[in-house]
Amino acid sequence: MSSLRRGTAVLAASVLCTAAAPLALTGTASAAPATSPARAAAAEDDGLYGKGDPKFDGVWRQSVALLAQDTAGVSPADRAVTWLTDQQCANGSFTAYRADPRADCDGKTPADTNATAAAVQALAALGGRSDAVRSAAKWLVSVRNEDGGWGYNPGSPTDANSTGVVIGALAVSGGDPAKPGEPSAYEALLGLQLGCDAKEGERGAFAYQPDKKGDLAPNDDATAAAVLAARGGGLVVEPAEDDGETPAPTDCGTDSGSGGGGEEGADEKISPDAAAGAGAAYLTEVLRANGRHLPSAMPGEKGKPDYGNTADAVLALAASGHDDTAEDTLDWLEDHAKDWDKSASDPAALGALVLAAHAADGDPRDFGGADLVKRLNATGPAPAKDAPPEEDDDKDDDGDGAGTAVTVSLVVAGLAAGAGIGILFSGRRKQQGL
């Protein structure tokens, strides 16, 4: 996930849900004036990555940057990690950005599921912050919607991107998104997939949310986020050991077909793996039709490449076994990243590219001639250590490990309280395709 990849959807969310965070890996909302209180406070945030106003994406971009550094063998500066943990509210949640983390969160603080889930993934990966991870995951469990999914803010309608990134957070922090619940997180996610009653070229895609009539429209970013989550993973995807293309299910009316039912399979329930395969097949066709990249759906940008969503697609394809397509798409990004202005100094964009390179077995330190890791490091405080992953020492995660942050007893307690579990990829935060 990241999308979001999340820029304009953030603005829409802020209007509809008083949200203030990115919906995908790379997007950022329009910056507030430099004289805004948030920007003035950010000038003193020497642990924060990026110079842009963090009002809408501070926690998200910090989390993506830390995750990307970790995959590249970089040990971030302590103050960078402390900046992130200081953003957490006492109840475990995160918002997009708190200008004064010393002040208590109150009813006016817009808790943000995307920011919280991204922070969980970053802190779990780095280790040593299990209390923060545990409390954040517990909060996510407590705000699950009745349908099993999550919206951008607690109580807002379930969307594929938010549900996806939370599933990823619970998966990497020791929780089990597949634990029984009525309904489960995966049911909520798969309920947003277009099935056999959709147009043939749209089958397998995921919608961000249903429109006002309850209809689903394909959304590329939501599809990438949902595929990643359906595979049960977070924003860090390990490179596949074996090369090759894993065939995706395409037959409707069977367990190997695309989700959502339809005339032939309305009563069929497919597995998350099968749903991920169908979503990956949809992404593959969109990439092929557009010269190995995803097109932008933003007003005034249609027909232009969406670099952030394309990086998200690499994660989804690599996670679902489509190694060849993931590598081809990464090759396109490597050839064209120089055309993306955000790839110069935007920490979320750079982090997304580093994560994509990691997933598809690329080299982020020589990416089209650019050292993405060096660029990312330069957007924040100098790292404590910078070494390729194979040279990096094991992290000290204070004895209990990132994977134990959410215990079985926590999950059971959350379910017993009626919160349930479940939630990926924006941040995801994007065009809703409605």
Protein backbone atom coordinates (compact mmCIF):
# COMPACT_ATOMS: atom_id res chain seq x y z
CA MET A 1 0.00 0.00 0.00
CA SER A 2 -0.29 4.22 -0.17
CA SER A 3 -1.45 3.83 -2.04
CA LEU A 4 -2.49 6.54 -0.25
CA ARG A 5 -0.70 7.83 -4.04
CA ARG A 6 -3.08 9.76 -1.77
CA GLY A 7 -3.08 13.45 -2.45
CA THR A 8 -6.49 14.65 -3.59
CA ALA A 9 -8.37 11.93 -1.76
CA VAL A 10 -6.95 13.37 1.43
CA LEU A 11 -8.58 16.67 0.68
CA ALA A 12 -11.87 14.96 -0.06
CA ALA A 13 -11.63 13.00 3.16
CA SER A 14 -10.87 16.13 5.13
CA VAL A 15 -14.07 17.69 3.85
CA LEU A 16 -16.28 14.64 4.28
CA CYS A 17 -14.80 13.05 7.38
CA THR A 18 -12.64 15.77 8.95
CA ALA A 19 -9.71 13.56 8.01
CA ALA A 20 -6.17 14.81 7.70
CA ALA A 21 -3.83 12.15 6.31
CA PRO A 22 -2.67 10.51 3.08
CA LEU A 23 -4.44 7.53 1.58
CA ALA A 24 -1.58 5.92 -0.33
CA LEU A 25 2.13 5.45 -0.17
CA THR A 26 3.15 8.59 -1.97
CA GLY A 27 0.48 11.24 -2.06
CA THR A 28 0.38 14.38 -0.02
CA ALA A 29 -2.34 16.94 0.30
CA SER A 30 -1.90 20.47 -0.90
CA ALA A 31 0.45 22.31 1.39
CA ALA A 32 -0.92 24.94 3.73
CA PRO A 33 0.66 28.41 3.64
CA ALA A 34 4.11 28.56 5.14
CA THR A 35 2.78 30.80 7.89
CA SER A 36 0.26 28.25 9.12
CA PRO A 37 0.60 27.11 12.77
CA ALA A 38 1.27 23.56 11.62
CA ARG A 39 4.11 24.68 9.35
CA ALA A 40 5.59 26.90 12.05
CA ALA A 41 5.65 23.96 14.44
CA ALA A 42 7.12 21.69 11.77
CA ALA A 43 10.11 24.01 11.47
CA GLU A 44 11.13 22.83 14.94
CA ASP A 45 10.56 19.14 14.14
CA ASP A 46 14.14 18.18 13.45
CA GLY A 47 13.18 14.50 13.55
CA LEU A 48 10.62 14.82 10.75
CA TYR A 49 11.32 13.77 7.17
CA GLY A 50 10.58 16.28 4.45
CA LYS A 51 10.24 20.03 4.39
CA GLY A 52 6.63 20.19 3.23
CA ASP A 53 3.79 21.06 5.55
CA PRO A 54 3.05 17.87 7.55
CA LYS A 55 -0.54 18.87 8.34
CA PHE A 56 -2.06 16.18 6.15
CA ASP A 57 0.64 13.53 5.90
CA GLY A 58 3.25 13.90 8.66
CA VAL A 59 2.76 10.52 10.32
CA TRP A 60 2.19 8.73 7.03
CA ARG A 61 5.32 10.00 5.30
CA GLN A 62 7.42 9.47 8.42
CA SER A 63 6.22 5.87 8.65
CA VAL A 64 6.85 5.13 4.97
CA ALA A 65 10.32 6.70 5.19
CA LEU A 66 11.25 4.64 8.24
CA LEU A 67 9.95 1.42 6.64
CA ALA A 68 11.91 2.11 3.47
CA GLN A 69 15.10 2.86 5.37
CA ASP A 70 14.73 -0.35 7.34
CA THR A 71 14.45 -2.45 4.16
CA ALA A 72 17.59 -0.76 2.83
CA GLY A 73 19.65 -1.55 5.92
CA VAL A 74 19.51 1.97 7.32
CA SER A 75 19.18 2.53 11.06
CA PRO A 76 17.35 5.85 11.38
CA ALA A 77 18.30 8.52 13.87
CA ASP A 78 16.71 8.04 17.28
CA ARG A 79 15.02 11.41 17.05
CA ALA A 80 13.29 10.35 13.83
CA VAL A 81 11.70 7.38 15.57
CA THR A 82 10.97 9.46 18.66
CA TRP A 83 9.20 12.03 16.48
CA LEU A 84 6.82 9.31 15.34
CA THR A 85 6.15 7.83 18.77
CA ASP A 86 5.57 11.30 20.21
CA GLN A 87 2.73 11.76 17.73
CA GLN A 88 0.72 8.96 19.35
CA CYS A 89 -2.32 9.83 21.46
CA ALA A 90 -2.86 8.31 24.89
CA ASN A 91 -5.59 5.99 23.53
CA GLY A 92 -3.11 4.48 21.04
CA SER A 93 -4.32 6.26 17.92
CA PHE A 94 -2.43 8.60 15.61
CA THR A 95 -3.73 11.52 13.64
CA ALA A 96 -2.11 12.89 10.49
CA TYR A 97 -0.03 15.38 12.45
CA ARG A 98 -0.01 17.01 15.87
CA ALA A 99 1.75 20.35 15.91
CA ASP A 100 2.21 20.14 19.69
CA PRO A 101 2.60 16.51 20.76
CA ARG A 102 2.90 17.67 24.37
CA ALA A 103 -0.78 18.64 24.36
CA ASP A 104 -3.30 15.91 25.14
CA CYS A 105 -5.47 14.58 22.33
CA ASP A 106 -9.13 15.46 22.78
CA GLY A 107 -12.45 15.04 21.03
CA LYS A 108 -11.37 17.48 18.35
CA THR A 109 -8.31 15.43 17.41
CA PRO A 110 -9.25 13.57 14.18
CA ALA A 111 -8.06 10.02 14.82
CA ASP A 112 -6.85 8.50 11.56
CA THR A 113 -6.87 4.77 10.82
CA ASN A 114 -4.44 5.11 7.91
CA ALA A 115 -1.85 7.05 9.88
CA THR A 116 -2.22 4.70 12.83
CA ALA A 117 -1.84 1.59 10.68
CA ALA A 118 1.22 2.99 8.91
CA ALA A 119 2.82 3.89 12.24
CA VAL A 120 2.16 0.38 13.55
CA GLN A 121 3.95 -1.12 10.56
CA ALA A 122 6.96 1.18 10.89
CA LEU A 123 7.37 0.78 14.64
CA ALA A 124 6.86 -2.98 14.49
CA ALA A 125 9.56 -3.27 11.82
CA LEU A 126 12.06 -1.17 13.74
CA GLY A 127 11.51 -2.95 17.04
CA GLY A 128 11.89 -1.62 20.55
CA ARG A 129 8.49 0.10 20.62
CA SER A 130 6.19 -2.79 21.45
CA ASP A 131 4.06 -0.79 23.90
CA ALA A 132 3.30 1.80 21.23
CA VAL A 133 2.59 -0.89 18.65
CA ARG A 134 0.35 -2.82 21.03
CA SER A 135 -1.76 0.18 22.05
CA ALA A 136 -2.14 1.36 18.45
CA ALA A 137 -3.22 -2.09 17.26
CA LYS A 138 -5.67 -2.35 20.13
CA TRP A 139 -7.18 0.99 19.15
CA LEU A 140 -7.54 -0.17 15.54
CA VAL A 141 -9.38 -3.27 16.68
CA SER A 142 -11.69 -1.14 18.81
CA VAL A 143 -12.86 1.07 15.93
CA ARG A 144 -13.68 -1.63 13.41
CA ASN A 145 -16.96 -1.02 11.57
CA GLU A 146 -19.86 -3.42 11.93
CA ASP A 147 -19.23 -4.77 8.42
CA GLY A 148 -15.71 -5.82 9.46
CA GLY A 149 -13.78 -3.07 7.73
CA TRP A 150 -12.44 0.41 8.41
CA GLY A 151 -12.99 3.89 7.08
CA TYR A 152 -10.53 6.76 7.04
CA ASN A 153 -11.73 7.99 10.43
CA PRO A 154 -13.56 5.96 13.09
CA GLY A 155 -17.20 5.70 12.12
CA SER A 156 -16.72 6.65 8.49
CA PRO A 157 -17.85 4.13 5.83
CA THR A 158 -15.56 1.22 5.07
CA ASP A 159 -13.20 1.72 2.15
CA ALA A 160 -10.74 -0.67 0.53
CA ASN A 161 -7.64 1.41 1.15
CA SER A 162 -8.20 1.94 4.87
CA THR A 163 -9.28 -1.64 5.40
CA GLY A 164 -6.24 -2.83 3.50
CA VAL A 165 -3.64 -0.84 5.43
CA VAL A 166 -5.15 -1.87 8.78
CA ILE A 167 -5.15 -5.55 7.77
CA GLY A 168 -1.46 -5.12 7.00
CA ALA A 169 -0.83 -3.46 10.35
CA LEU A 170 -2.51 -6.23 12.30
CA ALA A 171 -0.75 -8.91 10.26
CA VAL A 172 2.76 -7.57 10.86
CA SER A 173 2.18 -6.69 14.52
CA GLY A 174 1.13 -10.15 15.63
CA GLY A 175 -2.63 -9.95 15.18
CA ASP A 176 -4.68 -12.22 12.96
CA PRO A 177 -7.00 -10.39 10.54
CA ALA A 178 -8.63 -13.71 9.73
CA LYS A 179 -9.78 -14.36 13.30
CA PRO A 180 -13.52 -15.12 13.43
CA GLY A 181 -15.76 -12.10 13.52
CA GLU A 182 -19.19 -11.41 12.17
CA PRO A 183 -18.26 -10.37 9.59
CA SER A 184 -14.48 -10.55 9.26
CA ALA A 185 -12.12 -7.94 7.85
CA TYR A 186 -11.55 -10.02 4.73
CA GLU A 187 -15.28 -10.27 4.10
CA ALA A 188 -15.53 -6.49 4.21
CA LEU A 189 -12.59 -6.17 1.83
CA LEU A 190 -13.81 -8.79 -0.64
CA GLY A 191 -17.24 -7.19 -0.61
CA LEU A 192 -15.69 -4.30 -2.53
CA GLN A 193 -14.42 -6.50 -5.37
CA LEU A 194 -16.12 -6.46 -8.76
CA GLY A 195 -17.29 -9.92 -9.72
CA CYS A 196 -18.84 -11.84 -12.55
CA ASP A 197 -21.69 -9.39 -12.99
CA ALA A 198 -19.21 -6.64 -13.89
CA LYS A 199 -17.86 -5.90 -17.35
CA GLU A 200 -15.28 -8.46 -18.38
CA GLY A 201 -12.40 -5.98 -18.31
CA GLU A 202 -13.34 -4.82 -14.80
CA ARG A 203 -13.71 -8.19 -13.11
CA GLY A 204 -11.34 -8.71 -10.23
CA ALA A 205 -10.84 -4.99 -9.61
CA PHE A 206 -11.71 -3.43 -6.27
CA ALA A 207 -13.70 -0.27 -5.69
CA TYR A 208 -12.69 2.31 -3.12
CA GLN A 209 -16.28 2.41 -1.81
CA PRO A 210 -19.72 1.78 -3.29
CA ASP A 211 -21.32 4.81 -4.90
CA LYS A 212 -24.59 6.30 -3.69
CA LYS A 213 -26.50 3.58 -5.53
CA GLY A 214 -24.37 0.84 -4.03
CA ASP A 215 -22.60 0.14 -7.31
CA LEU A 216 -18.88 -0.61 -7.51
CA ALA A 217 -16.49 1.09 -9.92
CA PRO A 218 -12.92 -0.19 -10.48
CA ASN A 219 -10.21 1.83 -8.78
CA ASP A 220 -6.60 0.97 -9.56
CA ASP A 221 -5.14 2.20 -6.28
CA ALA A 222 -7.83 0.54 -4.20
CA THR A 223 -7.15 -2.67 -6.13
CA ALA A 224 -3.44 -2.54 -5.36
CA ALA A 225 -4.14 -1.91 -1.69
CA ALA A 226 -6.71 -4.69 -1.48
CA VAL A 227 -4.54 -7.25 -3.28
CA LEU A 228 -1.69 -6.60 -0.88
CA ALA A 229 -4.00 -6.94 2.12
CA ALA A 230 -5.74 -10.04 0.78
CA ARG A 231 -2.33 -11.67 0.68
CA GLY A 232 -2.08 -10.95 4.39
CA GLY A 233 0.89 -8.61 4.26
CA GLY A 234 1.91 -5.07 5.02
CA LEU A 235 3.74 -2.44 3.01
CA VAL A 236 7.04 -4.33 3.11
CA VAL A 237 7.01 -7.19 0.59
CA GLU A 238 9.93 -9.59 0.55
CA PRO A 239 11.34 -10.47 -2.88
CA ALA A 240 10.12 -13.79 -4.24
CA GLU A 241 12.59 -16.66 -4.08
CA ASP A 242 11.48 -18.08 -7.41
CA ASP A 243 11.11 -16.12 -10.62
CA GLY A 244 8.11 -16.58 -12.85
CA GLU A 245 4.53 -15.56 -13.36
CA THR A 246 1.88 -17.10 -11.13
CA PRO A 247 -1.34 -17.51 -13.14
CA ALA A 248 -4.29 -15.59 -11.73
CA PRO A 249 -7.80 -17.04 -11.52
CA THR A 250 -10.13 -15.79 -14.20
CA ASP A 251 -13.06 -18.22 -14.34
CA CYS A 252 -16.30 -16.87 -12.94
CA GLY A 253 -18.63 -19.04 -10.93
CA THR A 254 -15.89 -21.04 -9.23
CA ASP A 255 -13.65 -20.62 -6.20
CA SER A 256 -10.83 -19.72 -8.57
CA GLY A 257 -12.80 -16.90 -10.14
CA SER A 258 -12.99 -13.22 -9.45
CA GLY A 259 -14.83 -12.12 -6.37
CA GLY A 260 -18.18 -10.54 -5.84
CA GLY A 261 -20.37 -13.32 -7.14
CA GLY A 262 -22.42 -12.52 -10.22
CA GLU A 263 -25.07 -14.50 -12.07
CA GLU A 264 -23.00 -17.67 -12.12
CA GLY A 265 -21.40 -17.31 -8.72
CA ALA A 266 -23.53 -15.02 -6.59
CA ASP A 267 -23.52 -17.44 -3.70
CA GLU A 268 -19.89 -18.42 -4.07
CA LYS A 269 -17.38 -17.24 -1.49
CA ILE A 270 -13.81 -17.15 -2.68
CA SER A 271 -10.70 -17.16 -0.56
CA PRO A 272 -8.62 -14.01 0.01
CA ASP A 273 -5.83 -15.62 -2.03
CA ALA A 274 -8.15 -16.17 -4.97
CA ALA A 275 -9.47 -12.63 -4.67
CA ALA A 276 -5.91 -11.33 -4.65
CA GLY A 277 -5.14 -13.35 -7.77
CA ALA A 278 -8.12 -11.88 -9.60
CA GLY A 279 -7.17 -8.38 -8.51
CA ALA A 280 -3.59 -8.92 -9.66
CA ALA A 281 -4.85 -10.15 -13.03
CA TYR A 282 -6.86 -6.95 -13.40
CA LEU A 283 -3.82 -4.81 -12.56
CA THR A 284 -1.70 -6.78 -15.01
CA GLU A 285 -4.08 -6.02 -17.86
CA VAL A 286 -4.27 -2.31 -16.98
CA LEU A 287 -0.48 -2.13 -16.89
CA ARG A 288 -0.16 -3.87 -20.24
CA ALA A 289 -2.73 -1.57 -21.81
CA ASN A 290 -0.88 1.52 -20.61
CA GLY A 291 2.71 0.65 -21.36
CA ARG A 292 3.61 -0.85 -17.94
CA HIS A 293 2.30 1.96 -15.76
CA LEU A 294 -1.02 2.92 -14.19
CA PRO A 295 -2.70 6.05 -15.56
CA SER A 296 -3.76 8.92 -13.34
CA ALA A 297 -7.45 9.37 -12.60
CA MET A 298 -7.04 12.85 -11.17
CA PRO A 299 -8.83 15.78 -12.80
CA GLY A 300 -6.58 17.38 -15.36
CA GLU A 301 -4.10 14.51 -15.12
CA LYS A 302 -5.94 11.80 -17.02
CA GLY A 303 -3.69 9.97 -19.42
CA LYS A 304 -0.55 10.90 -17.51
CA PRO A 305 1.34 8.29 -15.49
CA ASP A 306 0.50 7.87 -11.82
CA TYR A 307 3.91 7.03 -10.42
CA GLY A 308 2.74 6.45 -6.86
CA ASN A 309 -0.05 4.06 -7.84
CA THR A 310 2.37 2.26 -10.15
CA ALA A 311 4.76 1.74 -7.24
CA ASP A 312 1.83 0.40 -5.21
CA ALA A 313 1.04 -2.01 -8.02
CA VAL A 314 4.58 -3.39 -7.84
CA LEU A 315 4.02 -4.29 -4.18
CA ALA A 316 0.68 -5.95 -4.92
CA LEU A 317 1.98 -7.95 -7.88
CA ALA A 318 5.11 -9.09 -6.06
CA ALA A 319 3.06 -10.16 -3.04
CA SER A 320 0.68 -12.17 -5.21
CA GLY A 321 3.38 -14.03 -7.11
CA HIS A 322 3.36 -12.01 -10.34
CA ASP A 323 7.10 -11.59 -10.26
CA ASP A 324 7.62 -11.00 -13.99
CA THR A 325 5.01 -8.25 -14.18
CA ALA A 326 6.25 -6.70 -10.96
CA GLU A 327 9.80 -6.57 -12.31
CA ASP A 328 8.67 -5.18 -15.67
CA THR A 329 6.70 -2.48 -13.90
CA LEU A 330 9.65 -1.66 -11.66
CA ASP A 331 11.81 -1.37 -14.80
CA TRP A 332 9.36 1.23 -16.13
CA LEU A 333 9.57 3.15 -12.86
CA GLU A 334 13.36 3.01 -12.98
CA ASP A 335 13.33 4.41 -16.52
CA HIS A 336 10.83 7.17 -15.74
CA ALA A 337 11.27 8.08 -12.07
CA LYS A 338 13.36 11.07 -13.11
CA ASP A 339 10.21 12.50 -14.68
CA TRP A 340 8.44 12.40 -11.32
CA ASP A 341 9.21 15.64 -9.52
CA LYS A 342 8.48 14.07 -6.13
CA SER A 343 11.28 11.54 -6.60
CA ALA A 344 13.83 14.28 -5.94
CA SER A 345 13.07 15.05 -2.31
CA ASP A 346 9.61 13.88 -1.21
CA PRO A 347 10.12 11.27 1.55
CA ALA A 348 6.84 9.45 0.89
CA ALA A 349 7.55 9.19 -2.84
CA LEU A 350 11.14 8.10 -2.29
CA GLY A 351 10.02 5.61 0.35
CA ALA A 352 7.45 4.15 -2.04
CA LEU A 353 10.11 3.64 -4.71
CA VAL A 354 12.51 2.05 -2.23
CA LEU A 355 9.78 -0.34 -1.06
CA ALA A 356 8.88 -1.19 -4.67
CA ALA A 357 12.54 -1.88 -5.50
CA HIS A 358 12.82 -4.10 -2.45
CA ALA A 359 9.69 -6.07 -3.39
CA ALA A 360 10.73 -6.69 -7.01
CA ASP A 361 14.39 -7.42 -6.28
CA GLY A 362 15.66 -4.10 -7.61
CA ASP A 363 18.48 -1.93 -6.33
CA PRO A 364 17.27 1.28 -4.66
CA ARG A 365 20.88 2.48 -4.42
CA ASP A 366 21.23 2.42 -8.20
CA PHE A 367 17.76 3.16 -9.51
CA GLY A 368 18.07 4.56 -13.00
CA GLY A 369 21.40 5.99 -11.91
CA ALA A 370 19.97 7.54 -8.74
CA ASP A 371 20.64 6.49 -5.16
CA LEU A 372 17.13 6.59 -3.71
CA VAL A 373 18.36 5.64 -0.24
CA LYS A 374 20.80 8.55 -0.16
CA ARG A 375 18.06 10.91 -1.31
CA LEU A 376 15.68 9.60 1.32
CA ASN A 377 18.26 9.90 4.08
CA ALA A 378 18.86 13.51 3.06
CA THR A 379 15.22 14.45 3.72
CA GLY A 380 15.57 13.92 7.48
CA PRO A 381 18.09 13.61 10.29
CA ALA A 382 21.30 11.79 9.45
CA PRO A 383 20.80 8.06 10.10
CA ALA A 384 22.58 6.31 12.92
CA LYS A 385 23.83 3.67 10.50
CA ASP A 386 23.66 3.08 6.78
CA ALA A 387 24.59 -0.35 5.47
CA PRO A 388 23.15 -2.80 2.94
CA PRO A 389 20.71 -5.24 4.59
CA GLU A 390 23.14 -8.15 4.43
CA GLU A 391 25.66 -6.16 6.44
CA ASP A 392 23.16 -4.90 9.00
CA ASP A 393 23.11 -6.32 12.51
CA ASP A 394 20.00 -7.76 14.08
CA LYS A 395 17.85 -5.10 15.70
CA ASP A 396 17.27 -4.97 19.44
CA ASP A 397 13.54 -4.90 19.91
CA ASP A 398 13.60 -4.89 23.72
CA GLY A 399 13.10 -8.60 24.08
CA ASP A 400 9.53 -9.17 23.08
CA GLY A 401 9.82 -8.68 19.32
CA ALA A 402 7.64 -6.80 16.89
CA GLY A 403 5.63 -9.90 16.12
CA THR A 404 4.37 -10.21 19.66
CA ALA A 405 3.01 -6.72 19.92
CA VAL A 406 -0.58 -7.87 19.65
CA THR A 407 -1.23 -11.03 21.61
CA VAL A 408 -3.96 -13.58 21.15
CA SER A 409 -5.52 -12.40 24.36
CA LEU A 410 -5.74 -8.88 22.97
CA VAL A 411 -7.50 -10.08 19.86
CA VAL A 412 -9.90 -12.21 21.84
CA ALA A 413 -10.60 -9.35 24.20
CA GLY A 414 -11.24 -7.01 21.30
CA LEU A 415 -13.65 -9.44 19.70
CA ALA A 416 -15.40 -10.07 22.97
CA ALA A 417 -15.94 -6.35 23.30
CA GLY A 418 -17.62 -6.38 19.93
CA ALA A 419 -14.83 -4.53 18.19
CA GLY A 420 -13.70 -7.42 16.00
CA ILE A 421 -10.60 -7.61 13.93
CA GLY A 422 -9.64 -6.87 10.42
CA ILE A 423 -8.67 -3.94 8.69
CA LEU A 424 -3.88 -2.77 3.48
CA PHE A 425 -2.12 -0.18 0.64
CA SER A 426 -3.93 5.34 0.91
CA GLY A 427 -2.73 6.45 2.61
CA ARG A 428 -4.65 4.63 0.46
CA ARG A 429 -6.48 8.27 0.19
CA LYS A 430 -7.24 8.54 -3.38
CA GLN A 431 -9.67 9.03 -6.11
CA GLN A 432 -12.71 7.00 -5.11
CA GLY A 433 -13.75 6.19 -8.65
CA LEU A 434 -17.37 7.16 -7.92
